[in-house]
Amino acid sequence: MNQFTHINAQGEANMVDVSAKEDTVREARAEVFVEMHPNTLQMIMDGAHHKGDVFATARIAGIQAAKRTWELIPLCHPLLLSKVEVQLEALPATSQVRIESLCKLRGKTGVEMEALTAASVAALTIYDMCKAVQKDMRIEGLRLLEKTGGKSGHFVAE
């Protein structure tokens, strides 16, 4: 059985010491979907939302969230990210917005939490901007798609 790395010998939560780890290039991708009514999605696609460009705002929010993950998630290390990308894609056939984030760095610890945080905050921003039009939107399917680098190697979701 694996030992929990965030728990010390006294059973207390602590930040993992990564100082002895080698720097490697690490990358992670995550995705999430925002489901909404077709007319809400059309409003976003047409740029007709009274609050402005929903996708541009969500993209910036996701990037900012990735950079501040260490402030939001207990025991996460502050990271010097070399790349954060947030892509938003309207899927009219399913009345969804698909959000995919990518985080990258050269460092001692992974960027999975940063990628997941970027995707989730971008989705929450879409909800926040559109809640006056539709309150029953759903945010679903948040998951890690892929990660590379580090001791655990390459992971790709099925």
N, C-alpha and C. Protein backbone atom coordinates (compact mmCIF):
# COMPACT_ATOMS: atom_id res chain seq x y z
N MET A 1 0.84 -1.19 0.00
CA MET A 1 0.00 0.00 0.00
C MET A 1 0.88 1.24 0.00
N ASN A 2 0.51 2.23 -0.83
CA ASN A 2 1.28 3.47 -0.89
C ASN A 2 1.08 4.29 0.37
N GLN A 3 2.14 4.97 0.77
CA GLN A 3 2.06 5.86 1.93
C GLN A 3 1.64 7.24 1.45
N PHE A 4 0.78 7.91 2.19
CA PHE A 4 0.35 9.26 1.83
C PHE A 4 1.52 10.22 2.03
N THR A 5 1.80 11.02 1.01
CA THR A 5 2.95 11.92 1.08
C THR A 5 2.61 13.24 1.77
N HIS A 6 1.35 13.55 1.93
CA HIS A 6 0.96 14.81 2.56
C HIS A 6 0.66 14.64 4.04
N ILE A 7 0.99 13.49 4.60
CA ILE A 7 0.76 13.22 6.03
C ILE A 7 2.11 12.89 6.67
N ASN A 8 2.43 13.57 7.78
CA ASN A 8 3.71 13.30 8.45
C ASN A 8 3.56 12.13 9.42
N ALA A 9 4.63 11.80 10.14
CA ALA A 9 4.65 10.65 11.05
C ALA A 9 3.62 10.79 12.17
N GLN A 10 3.24 12.01 12.49
CA GLN A 10 2.24 12.24 13.55
C GLN A 10 0.81 12.27 12.99
N GLY A 11 0.65 12.01 11.70
CA GLY A 11 -0.68 12.01 11.10
C GLY A 11 -1.18 13.40 10.75
N GLU A 12 -0.31 14.37 10.72
CA GLU A 12 -0.69 15.75 10.43
C GLU A 12 -0.43 16.07 8.96
N ALA A 13 -1.30 16.90 8.40
CA ALA A 13 -1.10 17.34 7.02
C ALA A 13 0.12 18.23 6.94
N ASN A 14 0.92 18.03 5.89
CA ASN A 14 2.09 18.89 5.67
C ASN A 14 2.37 18.98 4.18
N MET A 15 3.14 19.99 3.82
CA MET A 15 3.54 20.17 2.43
C MET A 15 4.71 19.24 2.14
N VAL A 16 4.65 18.55 1.02
CA VAL A 16 5.69 17.61 0.64
C VAL A 16 6.98 18.37 0.33
N ASP A 17 8.10 17.86 0.81
CA ASP A 17 9.41 18.44 0.51
C ASP A 17 9.87 17.91 -0.84
N VAL A 18 9.95 18.79 -1.84
CA VAL A 18 10.37 18.38 -3.18
C VAL A 18 11.79 18.85 -3.49
N SER A 19 12.50 19.34 -2.50
CA SER A 19 13.81 19.93 -2.76
C SER A 19 14.82 18.94 -3.34
N ALA A 20 14.70 17.66 -3.06
CA ALA A 20 15.65 16.66 -3.57
C ALA A 20 15.26 16.14 -4.96
N LYS A 21 14.08 16.49 -5.44
CA LYS A 21 13.64 16.01 -6.74
C LYS A 21 14.39 16.73 -7.86
N GLU A 22 14.54 16.02 -8.98
CA GLU A 22 15.14 16.61 -10.17
C GLU A 22 14.12 17.48 -10.91
N ASP A 23 14.60 18.56 -11.48
CA ASP A 23 13.74 19.36 -12.35
C ASP A 23 13.51 18.60 -13.65
N THR A 24 12.27 18.48 -14.05
CA THR A 24 11.93 17.90 -15.34
C THR A 24 10.84 18.76 -15.96
N VAL A 25 10.68 18.64 -17.27
CA VAL A 25 9.58 19.31 -17.95
C VAL A 25 8.31 18.55 -17.59
N ARG A 26 7.33 19.28 -17.12
CA ARG A 26 6.07 18.68 -16.70
C ARG A 26 4.93 19.42 -17.39
N GLU A 27 3.95 18.65 -17.81
CA GLU A 27 2.83 19.21 -18.54
C GLU A 27 1.57 18.46 -18.14
N ALA A 28 0.46 19.18 -18.07
CA ALA A 28 -0.82 18.54 -17.77
C ALA A 28 -1.92 19.23 -18.57
N ARG A 29 -2.89 18.41 -19.00
CA ARG A 29 -4.07 18.91 -19.70
C ARG A 29 -5.31 18.43 -18.96
N ALA A 30 -6.32 19.30 -18.85
CA ALA A 30 -7.58 18.95 -18.20
C ALA A 30 -8.73 19.46 -19.07
N GLU A 31 -9.92 18.90 -18.82
CA GLU A 31 -11.10 19.37 -19.55
C GLU A 31 -12.31 19.40 -18.63
N VAL A 32 -13.29 20.19 -19.05
CA VAL A 32 -14.58 20.27 -18.37
C VAL A 32 -15.60 20.77 -19.38
N PHE A 33 -16.87 20.48 -19.13
CA PHE A 33 -17.95 20.90 -20.02
C PHE A 33 -18.97 21.73 -19.25
N VAL A 34 -19.48 22.78 -19.90
CA VAL A 34 -20.58 23.57 -19.35
C VAL A 34 -21.78 23.33 -20.27
N GLU A 35 -22.83 22.75 -19.70
CA GLU A 35 -24.05 22.47 -20.45
C GLU A 35 -25.04 23.61 -20.23
N MET A 36 -25.69 24.03 -21.32
CA MET A 36 -26.61 25.16 -21.23
C MET A 36 -27.69 25.02 -22.30
N HIS A 37 -28.69 25.89 -22.24
CA HIS A 37 -29.73 25.92 -23.27
C HIS A 37 -29.12 26.39 -24.59
N PRO A 38 -29.67 25.92 -25.70
CA PRO A 38 -29.15 26.35 -27.00
C PRO A 38 -29.14 27.87 -27.20
N ASN A 39 -30.17 28.56 -26.69
CA ASN A 39 -30.20 30.02 -26.88
C ASN A 39 -29.12 30.72 -26.05
N THR A 40 -28.75 30.16 -24.90
CA THR A 40 -27.66 30.74 -24.11
C THR A 40 -26.34 30.57 -24.85
N LEU A 41 -26.11 29.38 -25.40
CA LEU A 41 -24.89 29.16 -26.17
C LEU A 41 -24.85 30.05 -27.41
N GLN A 42 -25.97 30.20 -28.08
CA GLN A 42 -26.01 31.05 -29.27
C GLN A 42 -25.67 32.49 -28.91
N MET A 43 -26.18 32.97 -27.79
CA MET A 43 -25.88 34.33 -27.34
C MET A 43 -24.37 34.51 -27.15
N ILE A 44 -23.72 33.51 -26.55
CA ILE A 44 -22.27 33.57 -26.36
C ILE A 44 -21.56 33.57 -27.70
N MET A 45 -21.96 32.67 -28.58
CA MET A 45 -21.32 32.55 -29.89
C MET A 45 -21.51 33.81 -30.74
N ASP A 46 -22.64 34.46 -30.59
CA ASP A 46 -22.92 35.69 -31.35
C ASP A 46 -22.24 36.91 -30.75
N GLY A 47 -21.67 36.77 -29.55
CA GLY A 47 -21.06 37.93 -28.89
C GLY A 47 -22.10 38.93 -28.42
N ALA A 48 -23.31 38.43 -28.14
CA ALA A 48 -24.43 39.31 -27.79
C ALA A 48 -24.66 39.42 -26.29
N HIS A 49 -23.77 38.88 -25.48
CA HIS A 49 -23.96 38.94 -24.03
C HIS A 49 -23.71 40.36 -23.53
N HIS A 50 -24.61 40.83 -22.67
CA HIS A 50 -24.50 42.21 -22.19
C HIS A 50 -23.27 42.45 -21.31
N LYS A 51 -22.64 41.38 -20.81
CA LYS A 51 -21.44 41.54 -19.98
C LYS A 51 -20.15 41.51 -20.81
N GLY A 52 -20.25 41.25 -22.10
CA GLY A 52 -19.06 41.26 -22.94
C GLY A 52 -18.71 39.88 -23.46
N ASP A 53 -17.45 39.73 -23.86
CA ASP A 53 -16.96 38.49 -24.47
C ASP A 53 -16.78 37.42 -23.40
N VAL A 54 -17.70 36.47 -23.36
CA VAL A 54 -17.71 35.43 -22.34
C VAL A 54 -16.47 34.55 -22.45
N PHE A 55 -16.11 34.14 -23.65
CA PHE A 55 -14.95 33.25 -23.82
C PHE A 55 -13.65 33.96 -23.44
N ALA A 56 -13.49 35.21 -23.83
CA ALA A 56 -12.26 35.94 -23.48
C ALA A 56 -12.13 36.08 -21.97
N THR A 57 -13.22 36.40 -21.31
CA THR A 57 -13.19 36.56 -19.86
C THR A 57 -12.90 35.23 -19.17
N ALA A 58 -13.53 34.15 -19.63
CA ALA A 58 -13.30 32.82 -19.04
C ALA A 58 -11.86 32.38 -19.26
N ARG A 59 -11.30 32.66 -20.43
CA ARG A 59 -9.91 32.30 -20.72
C ARG A 59 -8.95 33.00 -19.74
N ILE A 60 -9.14 34.28 -19.56
CA ILE A 60 -8.27 35.04 -18.64
C ILE A 60 -8.44 34.53 -17.21
N ALA A 61 -9.68 34.26 -16.82
CA ALA A 61 -9.93 33.75 -15.46
C ALA A 61 -9.23 32.41 -15.24
N GLY A 62 -9.29 31.52 -16.24
CA GLY A 62 -8.63 30.23 -16.14
C GLY A 62 -7.13 30.36 -16.01
N ILE A 63 -6.54 31.25 -16.81
CA ILE A 63 -5.09 31.47 -16.74
C ILE A 63 -4.71 32.02 -15.37
N GLN A 64 -5.44 33.00 -14.90
CA GLN A 64 -5.16 33.57 -13.57
C GLN A 64 -5.31 32.52 -12.47
N ALA A 65 -6.31 31.67 -12.58
CA ALA A 65 -6.54 30.63 -11.57
C ALA A 65 -5.39 29.64 -11.53
N ALA A 66 -4.88 29.24 -12.69
CA ALA A 66 -3.74 28.32 -12.72
C ALA A 66 -2.55 28.93 -11.98
N LYS A 67 -2.31 30.21 -12.20
CA LYS A 67 -1.18 30.89 -11.57
C LYS A 67 -1.34 31.02 -10.06
N ARG A 68 -2.58 30.91 -9.57
CA ARG A 68 -2.84 31.11 -8.14
C ARG A 68 -3.33 29.83 -7.44
N THR A 69 -3.15 28.70 -8.08
CA THR A 69 -3.62 27.43 -7.51
C THR A 69 -3.07 27.21 -6.11
N TRP A 70 -1.82 27.54 -5.90
CA TRP A 70 -1.18 27.33 -4.59
C TRP A 70 -1.88 28.12 -3.49
N GLU A 71 -2.58 29.20 -3.85
CA GLU A 71 -3.32 29.97 -2.85
C GLU A 71 -4.70 29.37 -2.57
N LEU A 72 -5.19 28.55 -3.48
CA LEU A 72 -6.54 28.00 -3.37
C LEU A 72 -6.59 26.59 -2.81
N ILE A 73 -5.61 25.77 -3.16
CA ILE A 73 -5.60 24.36 -2.77
C ILE A 73 -4.55 24.18 -1.67
N PRO A 74 -4.96 23.77 -0.48
CA PRO A 74 -3.99 23.60 0.60
C PRO A 74 -2.88 22.62 0.22
N LEU A 75 -1.69 22.95 0.61
CA LEU A 75 -0.48 22.13 0.46
C LEU A 75 0.08 22.09 -0.96
N CYS A 76 -0.52 22.84 -1.91
CA CYS A 76 0.07 22.93 -3.25
C CYS A 76 1.27 23.87 -3.21
N HIS A 77 2.29 23.53 -3.99
CA HIS A 77 3.47 24.38 -4.07
C HIS A 77 3.23 25.55 -5.01
N PRO A 78 3.79 26.72 -4.70
CA PRO A 78 3.74 27.81 -5.68
C PRO A 78 4.67 27.46 -6.84
N LEU A 79 4.17 27.55 -8.06
CA LEU A 79 4.92 27.12 -9.23
C LEU A 79 5.16 28.28 -10.18
N LEU A 80 6.31 28.23 -10.85
CA LEU A 80 6.63 29.20 -11.89
C LEU A 80 6.24 28.59 -13.24
N LEU A 81 5.00 28.74 -13.58
CA LEU A 81 4.48 28.15 -14.81
C LEU A 81 5.11 28.83 -16.02
N SER A 82 5.51 28.03 -16.99
CA SER A 82 6.08 28.60 -18.21
C SER A 82 5.02 28.75 -19.30
N LYS A 83 3.90 28.04 -19.15
CA LYS A 83 2.82 28.15 -20.13
C LYS A 83 1.50 27.78 -19.47
N VAL A 84 0.50 28.58 -19.74
CA VAL A 84 -0.88 28.25 -19.38
C VAL A 84 -1.73 28.60 -20.59
N GLU A 85 -2.50 27.65 -21.04
CA GLU A 85 -3.37 27.85 -22.18
C GLU A 85 -4.76 27.36 -21.82
N VAL A 86 -5.77 28.14 -22.16
CA VAL A 86 -7.16 27.74 -21.93
C VAL A 86 -7.90 27.91 -23.25
N GLN A 87 -8.41 26.81 -23.78
CA GLN A 87 -9.16 26.83 -25.04
C GLN A 87 -10.62 26.55 -24.75
N LEU A 88 -11.49 27.32 -25.38
CA LEU A 88 -12.93 27.15 -25.23
C LEU A 88 -13.52 26.85 -26.60
N GLU A 89 -14.40 25.87 -26.64
CA GLU A 89 -15.00 25.45 -27.89
C GLU A 89 -16.51 25.30 -27.70
N ALA A 90 -17.26 26.02 -28.51
CA ALA A 90 -18.72 25.87 -28.50
C ALA A 90 -19.09 24.60 -29.24
N LEU A 91 -19.96 23.81 -28.62
CA LEU A 91 -20.44 22.56 -29.22
C LEU A 91 -21.96 22.66 -29.40
N PRO A 92 -22.42 23.31 -30.47
CA PRO A 92 -23.86 23.53 -30.65
C PRO A 92 -24.68 22.25 -30.68
N ALA A 93 -24.14 21.16 -31.20
CA ALA A 93 -24.90 19.91 -31.30
C ALA A 93 -25.34 19.39 -29.94
N THR A 94 -24.55 19.70 -28.90
CA THR A 94 -24.88 19.22 -27.55
C THR A 94 -25.17 20.37 -26.57
N SER A 95 -25.21 21.58 -27.07
CA SER A 95 -25.44 22.79 -26.25
C SER A 95 -24.44 22.85 -25.09
N GLN A 96 -23.18 22.68 -25.42
CA GLN A 96 -22.12 22.70 -24.42
C GLN A 96 -20.99 23.62 -24.85
N VAL A 97 -20.22 24.02 -23.86
CA VAL A 97 -18.91 24.62 -24.09
C VAL A 97 -17.90 23.64 -23.51
N ARG A 98 -16.93 23.25 -24.33
CA ARG A 98 -15.84 22.39 -23.87
C ARG A 98 -14.65 23.28 -23.58
N ILE A 99 -14.09 23.10 -22.40
CA ILE A 99 -12.92 23.87 -21.98
C ILE A 99 -11.77 22.90 -21.80
N GLU A 100 -10.64 23.21 -22.41
CA GLU A 100 -9.43 22.42 -22.21
C GLU A 100 -8.31 23.35 -21.78
N SER A 101 -7.62 22.95 -20.73
CA SER A 101 -6.50 23.74 -20.23
C SER A 101 -5.21 22.96 -20.39
N LEU A 102 -4.12 23.69 -20.51
CA LEU A 102 -2.79 23.12 -20.60
C LEU A 102 -1.88 23.95 -19.70
N CYS A 103 -1.15 23.28 -18.82
CA CYS A 103 -0.16 23.94 -17.98
C CYS A 103 1.17 23.23 -18.15
N LYS A 104 2.24 24.03 -18.15
CA LYS A 104 3.57 23.48 -18.40
C LYS A 104 4.60 24.24 -17.58
N LEU A 105 5.65 23.53 -17.17
CA LEU A 105 6.79 24.14 -16.50
C LEU A 105 7.97 23.19 -16.52
N ARG A 106 9.09 23.67 -16.09
CA ARG A 106 10.24 22.83 -15.79
C ARG A 106 10.42 22.99 -14.28
N GLY A 107 10.22 21.89 -13.55
CA GLY A 107 10.27 22.00 -12.11
C GLY A 107 10.28 20.66 -11.41
N LYS A 108 10.05 20.71 -10.09
CA LYS A 108 10.17 19.55 -9.23
C LYS A 108 8.84 18.89 -8.90
N THR A 109 7.74 19.51 -9.29
CA THR A 109 6.43 18.95 -8.97
C THR A 109 5.47 19.17 -10.14
N GLY A 110 4.45 18.34 -10.21
CA GLY A 110 3.55 18.35 -11.34
C GLY A 110 2.60 19.52 -11.39
N VAL A 111 1.91 19.64 -12.51
CA VAL A 111 1.01 20.76 -12.75
C VAL A 111 -0.44 20.30 -12.96
N GLU A 112 -0.77 19.11 -12.48
CA GLU A 112 -2.13 18.61 -12.64
C GLU A 112 -3.16 19.51 -11.96
N MET A 113 -2.86 19.93 -10.75
CA MET A 113 -3.82 20.76 -10.01
C MET A 113 -4.01 22.11 -10.70
N GLU A 114 -2.96 22.64 -11.29
CA GLU A 114 -3.06 23.91 -12.00
C GLU A 114 -3.95 23.77 -13.23
N ALA A 115 -3.78 22.67 -13.97
CA ALA A 115 -4.61 22.44 -15.16
C ALA A 115 -6.08 22.26 -14.77
N LEU A 116 -6.33 21.48 -13.72
CA LEU A 116 -7.70 21.26 -13.26
C LEU A 116 -8.33 22.55 -12.73
N THR A 117 -7.55 23.35 -12.03
CA THR A 117 -8.05 24.61 -11.49
C THR A 117 -8.36 25.58 -12.63
N ALA A 118 -7.49 25.64 -13.63
CA ALA A 118 -7.73 26.53 -14.77
C ALA A 118 -9.04 26.17 -15.46
N ALA A 119 -9.25 24.90 -15.73
CA ALA A 119 -10.48 24.47 -16.41
C ALA A 119 -11.71 24.76 -15.57
N SER A 120 -11.64 24.46 -14.28
CA SER A 120 -12.82 24.65 -13.43
C SER A 120 -13.17 26.12 -13.25
N VAL A 121 -12.18 26.97 -13.08
CA VAL A 121 -12.48 28.41 -12.89
C VAL A 121 -12.96 29.03 -14.20
N ALA A 122 -12.46 28.58 -15.32
CA ALA A 122 -12.99 29.07 -16.60
C ALA A 122 -14.48 28.69 -16.72
N ALA A 123 -14.82 27.46 -16.32
CA ALA A 123 -16.22 27.02 -16.35
C ALA A 123 -17.08 27.84 -15.38
N LEU A 124 -16.56 28.08 -14.19
CA LEU A 124 -17.29 28.89 -13.22
C LEU A 124 -17.49 30.32 -13.71
N THR A 125 -16.55 30.83 -14.45
CA THR A 125 -16.67 32.18 -15.00
C THR A 125 -17.77 32.24 -16.04
N ILE A 126 -17.86 31.21 -16.87
CA ILE A 126 -18.97 31.15 -17.84
C ILE A 126 -20.30 31.14 -17.08
N TYR A 127 -20.38 30.32 -16.04
CA TYR A 127 -21.61 30.28 -15.25
C TYR A 127 -21.91 31.67 -14.66
N ASP A 128 -20.90 32.29 -14.07
CA ASP A 128 -21.10 33.60 -13.44
C ASP A 128 -21.59 34.64 -14.45
N MET A 129 -21.00 34.65 -15.62
CA MET A 129 -21.39 35.65 -16.62
C MET A 129 -22.78 35.39 -17.18
N CYS A 130 -23.20 34.13 -17.22
CA CYS A 130 -24.47 33.78 -17.87
C CYS A 130 -25.62 33.47 -16.92
N LYS A 131 -25.36 33.52 -15.62
CA LYS A 131 -26.40 33.12 -14.67
C LYS A 131 -27.64 34.03 -14.71
N ALA A 132 -27.49 35.26 -15.14
CA ALA A 132 -28.66 36.13 -15.27
C ALA A 132 -29.58 35.67 -16.39
N VAL A 133 -29.02 34.97 -17.37
CA VAL A 133 -29.79 34.46 -18.50
C VAL A 133 -30.31 33.05 -18.22
N GLN A 134 -29.49 32.24 -17.54
CA GLN A 134 -29.85 30.84 -17.27
C GLN A 134 -29.18 30.38 -15.97
N LYS A 135 -29.97 30.02 -15.00
CA LYS A 135 -29.43 29.59 -13.71
C LYS A 135 -29.19 28.08 -13.61
N ASP A 136 -29.77 27.30 -14.52
CA ASP A 136 -29.67 25.85 -14.39
C ASP A 136 -28.60 25.23 -15.31
N MET A 137 -27.58 26.01 -15.66
CA MET A 137 -26.45 25.44 -16.40
C MET A 137 -25.78 24.39 -15.52
N ARG A 138 -25.10 23.44 -16.17
CA ARG A 138 -24.41 22.38 -15.43
C ARG A 138 -22.95 22.34 -15.84
N ILE A 139 -22.09 22.19 -14.85
CA ILE A 139 -20.66 22.01 -15.09
C ILE A 139 -20.36 20.55 -14.79
N GLU A 140 -19.87 19.84 -15.81
CA GLU A 140 -19.69 18.39 -15.66
C GLU A 140 -18.41 17.91 -16.33
N GLY A 141 -17.94 16.77 -15.86
CA GLY A 141 -16.87 16.06 -16.54
C GLY A 141 -15.48 16.61 -16.31
N LEU A 142 -15.25 17.33 -15.23
CA LEU A 142 -13.91 17.82 -14.95
C LEU A 142 -12.98 16.63 -14.77
N ARG A 143 -11.90 16.59 -15.55
CA ARG A 143 -10.96 15.48 -15.43
C ARG A 143 -9.60 15.84 -16.00
N LEU A 144 -8.61 15.11 -15.52
CA LEU A 144 -7.27 15.20 -16.07
C LEU A 144 -7.23 14.37 -17.34
N LEU A 145 -6.80 14.97 -18.44
CA LEU A 145 -6.70 14.26 -19.71
C LEU A 145 -5.35 13.60 -19.89
N GLU A 146 -4.31 14.31 -19.50
CA GLU A 146 -2.95 13.81 -19.73
C GLU A 146 -1.99 14.54 -18.83
N LYS A 147 -0.93 13.83 -18.45
CA LYS A 147 0.17 14.46 -17.74
C LYS A 147 1.46 13.77 -18.13
N THR A 148 2.52 14.58 -18.24
CA THR A 148 3.84 14.05 -18.57
C THR A 148 4.86 14.62 -17.60
N GLY A 149 5.97 13.90 -17.47
CA GLY A 149 7.07 14.36 -16.62
C GLY A 149 6.98 13.80 -15.22
N GLY A 150 8.10 13.87 -14.53
CA GLY A 150 8.15 13.40 -13.15
C GLY A 150 8.32 11.90 -13.04
N LYS A 151 8.41 11.45 -11.80
CA LYS A 151 8.67 10.04 -11.50
C LYS A 151 7.56 9.11 -11.96
N SER A 152 6.32 9.58 -11.87
CA SER A 152 5.20 8.69 -12.24
C SER A 152 5.00 8.59 -13.75
N GLY A 153 5.71 9.39 -14.53
CA GLY A 153 5.70 9.24 -15.97
C GLY A 153 4.49 9.81 -16.68
N HIS A 154 4.13 9.15 -17.77
CA HIS A 154 3.10 9.63 -18.67
C HIS A 154 1.75 9.00 -18.31
N PHE A 155 0.72 9.83 -18.21
CA PHE A 155 -0.64 9.36 -17.97
C PHE A 155 -1.53 9.92 -19.06
N VAL A 156 -2.38 9.08 -19.63
CA VAL A 156 -3.40 9.52 -20.59
C VAL A 156 -4.72 8.92 -20.15
N ALA A 157 -5.74 9.75 -20.02
CA ALA A 157 -7.07 9.28 -19.64
C ALA A 157 -7.67 8.44 -20.75
N GLU A 158 -8.48 7.49 -20.37
CA GLU A 158 -9.16 6.64 -21.37
C GLU A 158 -10.27 7.40 -22.03
